[in-house]
Amino acid sequence: MKYALVTGQVRWSQGTVQLTRGKSADDDHPLVIERPDLFSNEAPDAELSAAPPVERATAAPGEKRLTPRKTAAKAAPRTGTTSEKGGGGE
């Protein structure tokens, strides 16, 4: 099995054909035999990957970074103590 290295219209002895990068073809297909420079033995990477996207640490020029904000736990309201209210000190 061979895999296309290019995307676009390709002209060859039997006319033209639309290739898409990664499109597979049999080893004995006439186009593969005539234009081996357009094909590779290496299978392309999956189009739908399960790998999580990698987040960049910095913004590109002109790009605003949006990061999810963590909601901080709200502190319990403070109750007054004698020292805070000015009493109790003698």
N, C-alpha and C. Protein backbone atom coordinates (compact mmCIF):
# COMPACT_ATOMS: atom_id res chain seq x y z
N MET A 1 0.85 -1.17 0.00
CA MET A 1 0.00 0.00 0.00
C MET A 1 0.90 1.23 0.00
N LYS A 2 0.54 2.21 -0.81
CA LYS A 2 1.26 3.49 -0.90
C LYS A 2 0.31 4.60 -0.46
N TYR A 3 0.89 5.70 0.03
CA TYR A 3 0.11 6.83 0.52
C TYR A 3 0.58 8.12 -0.13
N ALA A 4 -0.36 8.93 -0.60
CA ALA A 4 -0.03 10.17 -1.30
C ALA A 4 0.67 11.15 -0.37
N LEU A 5 1.67 11.83 -0.92
CA LEU A 5 2.43 12.84 -0.18
C LEU A 5 1.92 14.25 -0.45
N VAL A 6 1.05 14.41 -1.45
CA VAL A 6 0.61 15.74 -1.87
C VAL A 6 -0.92 15.82 -1.92
N THR A 7 -1.41 17.06 -1.95
CA THR A 7 -2.83 17.32 -2.15
C THR A 7 -2.95 18.21 -3.38
N GLY A 8 -3.81 17.82 -4.31
CA GLY A 8 -4.03 18.63 -5.50
C GLY A 8 -4.30 17.79 -6.73
N GLN A 9 -4.53 18.49 -7.86
CA GLN A 9 -4.74 17.83 -9.14
C GLN A 9 -3.38 17.39 -9.67
N VAL A 10 -3.27 16.14 -10.07
CA VAL A 10 -2.03 15.61 -10.60
C VAL A 10 -2.26 15.19 -12.04
N ARG A 11 -1.40 15.67 -12.94
CA ARG A 11 -1.49 15.31 -14.35
C ARG A 11 -0.53 14.14 -14.59
N TRP A 12 -1.04 13.14 -15.32
CA TRP A 12 -0.22 11.99 -15.68
C TRP A 12 -0.68 11.46 -17.03
N SER A 13 -0.08 10.38 -17.53
CA SER A 13 -0.35 9.91 -18.89
C SER A 13 -1.81 9.53 -19.14
N GLN A 14 -2.55 9.21 -18.12
CA GLN A 14 -3.95 8.81 -18.29
C GLN A 14 -4.92 9.95 -17.94
N GLY A 15 -4.43 11.17 -17.85
CA GLY A 15 -5.30 12.31 -17.56
C GLY A 15 -4.90 13.01 -16.29
N THR A 16 -5.89 13.38 -15.48
CA THR A 16 -5.63 14.03 -14.20
C THR A 16 -6.39 13.29 -13.11
N VAL A 17 -5.90 13.41 -11.92
CA VAL A 17 -6.55 12.78 -10.77
C VAL A 17 -6.38 13.71 -9.57
N GLN A 18 -7.38 13.75 -8.72
CA GLN A 18 -7.32 14.54 -7.49
C GLN A 18 -6.71 13.67 -6.39
N LEU A 19 -5.60 14.10 -5.85
CA LEU A 19 -4.98 13.40 -4.73
C LEU A 19 -5.15 14.23 -3.46
N THR A 20 -5.28 13.54 -2.38
CA THR A 20 -5.33 14.15 -1.06
C THR A 20 -4.23 13.51 -0.24
N ARG A 21 -3.45 14.32 0.46
CA ARG A 21 -2.35 13.78 1.27
C ARG A 21 -2.87 12.66 2.16
N GLY A 22 -2.20 11.50 2.10
CA GLY A 22 -2.60 10.35 2.90
C GLY A 22 -3.52 9.38 2.18
N LYS A 23 -4.01 9.76 0.99
CA LYS A 23 -4.89 8.88 0.21
C LYS A 23 -4.11 7.62 -0.16
N SER A 24 -4.74 6.48 0.01
CA SER A 24 -4.04 5.22 -0.25
C SER A 24 -4.24 4.74 -1.67
N ALA A 25 -3.25 3.99 -2.16
CA ALA A 25 -3.31 3.40 -3.50
C ALA A 25 -2.56 2.08 -3.45
N ASP A 26 -3.01 1.13 -4.27
CA ASP A 26 -2.32 -0.16 -4.36
C ASP A 26 -0.92 0.04 -4.95
N ASP A 27 0.00 -0.82 -4.57
CA ASP A 27 1.37 -0.74 -5.06
C ASP A 27 1.45 -0.85 -6.59
N ASP A 28 0.50 -1.58 -7.19
CA ASP A 28 0.56 -1.80 -8.64
C ASP A 28 -0.36 -0.85 -9.43
N HIS A 29 -0.88 0.20 -8.80
CA HIS A 29 -1.71 1.17 -9.52
C HIS A 29 -0.84 1.89 -10.55
N PRO A 30 -1.36 2.12 -11.76
CA PRO A 30 -0.55 2.78 -12.80
C PRO A 30 0.03 4.13 -12.38
N LEU A 31 -0.71 4.93 -11.62
CA LEU A 31 -0.20 6.22 -11.17
C LEU A 31 0.99 6.04 -10.22
N VAL A 32 0.92 5.07 -9.35
CA VAL A 32 2.02 4.80 -8.41
C VAL A 32 3.26 4.36 -9.18
N ILE A 33 3.07 3.56 -10.20
CA ILE A 33 4.20 3.07 -11.00
C ILE A 33 4.82 4.22 -11.80
N GLU A 34 3.95 5.08 -12.40
CA GLU A 34 4.43 6.18 -13.23
C GLU A 34 5.02 7.32 -12.41
N ARG A 35 4.43 7.64 -11.25
CA ARG A 35 4.87 8.78 -10.44
C ARG A 35 5.16 8.36 -8.99
N PRO A 36 6.18 7.53 -8.77
CA PRO A 36 6.50 7.07 -7.41
C PRO A 36 6.90 8.21 -6.48
N ASP A 37 7.30 9.37 -7.06
CA ASP A 37 7.70 10.52 -6.25
C ASP A 37 6.53 11.12 -5.47
N LEU A 38 5.29 10.77 -5.87
CA LEU A 38 4.09 11.31 -5.21
C LEU A 38 3.63 10.46 -4.04
N PHE A 39 4.28 9.31 -3.82
CA PHE A 39 3.78 8.36 -2.83
C PHE A 39 4.88 7.91 -1.86
N SER A 40 4.43 7.44 -0.71
CA SER A 40 5.32 6.95 0.33
C SER A 40 4.80 5.63 0.87
N ASN A 41 5.68 4.86 1.46
CA ASN A 41 5.27 3.61 2.11
C ASN A 41 4.73 3.86 3.52
N GLU A 42 5.03 5.04 4.07
CA GLU A 42 4.65 5.37 5.44
C GLU A 42 3.17 5.74 5.53
N ALA A 43 2.45 5.06 6.39
CA ALA A 43 1.04 5.38 6.61
C ALA A 43 0.95 6.74 7.31
N PRO A 44 -0.03 7.57 6.93
CA PRO A 44 -0.16 8.88 7.57
C PRO A 44 -0.67 8.74 9.00
N ASP A 45 -0.50 9.80 9.78
CA ASP A 45 -1.04 9.83 11.14
C ASP A 45 -2.56 9.83 11.08
N ALA A 46 -3.17 9.41 12.16
CA ALA A 46 -4.63 9.39 12.24
C ALA A 46 -5.18 10.81 12.14
N GLU A 47 -6.29 10.96 11.44
CA GLU A 47 -6.91 12.28 11.33
C GLU A 47 -7.63 12.65 12.62
N LEU A 48 -8.17 11.67 13.30
CA LEU A 48 -8.82 11.90 14.59
C LEU A 48 -7.95 11.22 15.64
N SER A 49 -7.32 12.01 16.45
CA SER A 49 -6.39 11.49 17.43
C SER A 49 -7.00 11.52 18.83
N ALA A 50 -6.64 10.55 19.64
CA ALA A 50 -7.10 10.52 21.02
C ALA A 50 -6.16 11.30 21.94
N ALA A 51 -5.04 11.75 21.39
CA ALA A 51 -4.08 12.49 22.21
C ALA A 51 -4.66 13.85 22.60
N PRO A 52 -4.50 14.26 23.85
CA PRO A 52 -5.04 15.56 24.26
C PRO A 52 -4.28 16.69 23.59
N PRO A 53 -4.94 17.80 23.32
CA PRO A 53 -4.24 18.93 22.70
C PRO A 53 -3.21 19.51 23.66
N VAL A 54 -2.14 20.02 23.11
CA VAL A 54 -1.08 20.61 23.93
C VAL A 54 -1.35 22.10 24.05
N GLU A 55 -1.39 22.59 25.27
CA GLU A 55 -1.64 24.01 25.51
C GLU A 55 -0.32 24.76 25.47
N ARG A 56 -0.32 25.90 24.77
CA ARG A 56 0.87 26.72 24.73
C ARG A 56 0.98 27.53 26.01
N ALA A 57 2.19 27.82 26.41
CA ALA A 57 2.40 28.57 27.64
C ALA A 57 2.29 30.08 27.42
N THR A 58 2.43 30.52 26.18
CA THR A 58 2.36 31.95 25.90
C THR A 58 1.41 32.21 24.75
N ALA A 59 0.94 33.43 24.68
CA ALA A 59 0.04 33.82 23.60
C ALA A 59 0.85 34.23 22.38
N ALA A 60 0.30 33.98 21.21
CA ALA A 60 0.92 34.44 19.97
C ALA A 60 0.71 35.95 19.88
N PRO A 61 1.50 36.65 19.05
CA PRO A 61 1.31 38.10 18.93
C PRO A 61 -0.12 38.45 18.54
N GLY A 62 -0.74 39.33 19.31
CA GLY A 62 -2.10 39.76 19.04
C GLY A 62 -3.17 38.81 19.57
N GLU A 63 -2.77 37.72 20.17
CA GLU A 63 -3.74 36.73 20.67
C GLU A 63 -3.93 36.93 22.17
N LYS A 64 -5.18 36.90 22.60
CA LYS A 64 -5.46 37.00 24.03
C LYS A 64 -5.62 35.59 24.58
N ARG A 65 -4.91 35.31 25.65
CA ARG A 65 -5.00 33.99 26.26
C ARG A 65 -6.20 33.94 27.18
N LEU A 66 -6.97 32.92 27.01
CA LEU A 66 -8.10 32.69 27.89
C LEU A 66 -7.83 31.42 28.65
N THR A 67 -7.76 31.54 29.93
CA THR A 67 -7.53 30.36 30.74
C THR A 67 -8.72 30.18 31.67
N PRO A 68 -9.08 28.94 31.93
CA PRO A 68 -10.21 28.74 32.84
C PRO A 68 -9.84 29.24 34.23
N ARG A 69 -10.75 29.96 34.84
CA ARG A 69 -10.49 30.47 36.19
C ARG A 69 -10.97 29.46 37.22
N LYS A 70 -10.12 29.27 38.18
CA LYS A 70 -10.51 28.39 39.28
C LYS A 70 -11.32 29.22 40.27
N THR A 71 -12.41 28.68 40.70
CA THR A 71 -13.22 29.41 41.67
C THR A 71 -12.65 29.15 43.05
N ALA A 72 -12.27 30.23 43.71
CA ALA A 72 -11.69 30.11 45.05
C ALA A 72 -12.82 29.91 46.05
N ALA A 73 -12.55 29.10 47.03
CA ALA A 73 -13.55 28.89 48.09
C ALA A 73 -13.68 30.18 48.88
N LYS A 74 -14.89 30.59 49.09
CA LYS A 74 -15.12 31.83 49.83
C LYS A 74 -14.84 31.59 51.31
N ALA A 75 -14.16 32.55 51.92
CA ALA A 75 -13.86 32.45 53.34
C ALA A 75 -15.13 32.72 54.14
N ALA A 76 -15.22 32.08 55.27
CA ALA A 76 -16.37 32.30 56.15
C ALA A 76 -16.32 33.73 56.65
N PRO A 77 -17.48 34.38 56.80
CA PRO A 77 -17.48 35.75 57.31
C PRO A 77 -16.83 35.81 58.69
N ARG A 78 -16.06 36.86 58.89
CA ARG A 78 -15.35 37.01 60.17
C ARG A 78 -16.31 37.52 61.23
N THR A 79 -16.21 36.93 62.36
CA THR A 79 -17.02 37.41 63.49
C THR A 79 -16.10 38.23 64.37
N GLY A 80 -16.61 39.27 64.93
CA GLY A 80 -15.80 40.15 65.75
C GLY A 80 -15.36 39.48 67.06
N THR A 81 -14.14 39.74 67.44
CA THR A 81 -13.64 39.27 68.74
C THR A 81 -13.44 40.51 69.61
N THR A 82 -13.19 40.29 70.85
CA THR A 82 -13.07 41.41 71.77
C THR A 82 -11.90 42.31 71.39
N SER A 83 -10.81 41.72 70.95
CA SER A 83 -9.65 42.54 70.61
C SER A 83 -9.94 43.37 69.37
N GLU A 84 -10.74 42.86 68.42
CA GLU A 84 -11.06 43.61 67.22
C GLU A 84 -12.03 44.74 67.51
N LYS A 85 -12.88 44.59 68.50
CA LYS A 85 -13.86 45.61 68.81
C LYS A 85 -13.32 46.65 69.78
N GLY A 86 -12.09 46.50 70.14
CA GLY A 86 -11.47 47.49 71.02
C GLY A 86 -11.70 47.20 72.49
N GLY A 87 -12.34 46.14 72.83
CA GLY A 87 -12.57 45.85 74.25
C GLY A 87 -11.61 44.79 74.74
N GLY A 88 -11.58 44.57 76.00
CA GLY A 88 -10.82 43.51 76.62
C GLY A 88 -9.39 43.86 76.91
N GLY A 89 -8.86 44.96 76.38
CA GLY A 89 -7.48 45.31 76.68
C GLY A 89 -7.42 46.22 77.88
N GLU A 90 -6.74 45.86 78.95
CA GLU A 90 -6.70 46.72 80.13
C GLU A 90 -5.33 47.21 80.39
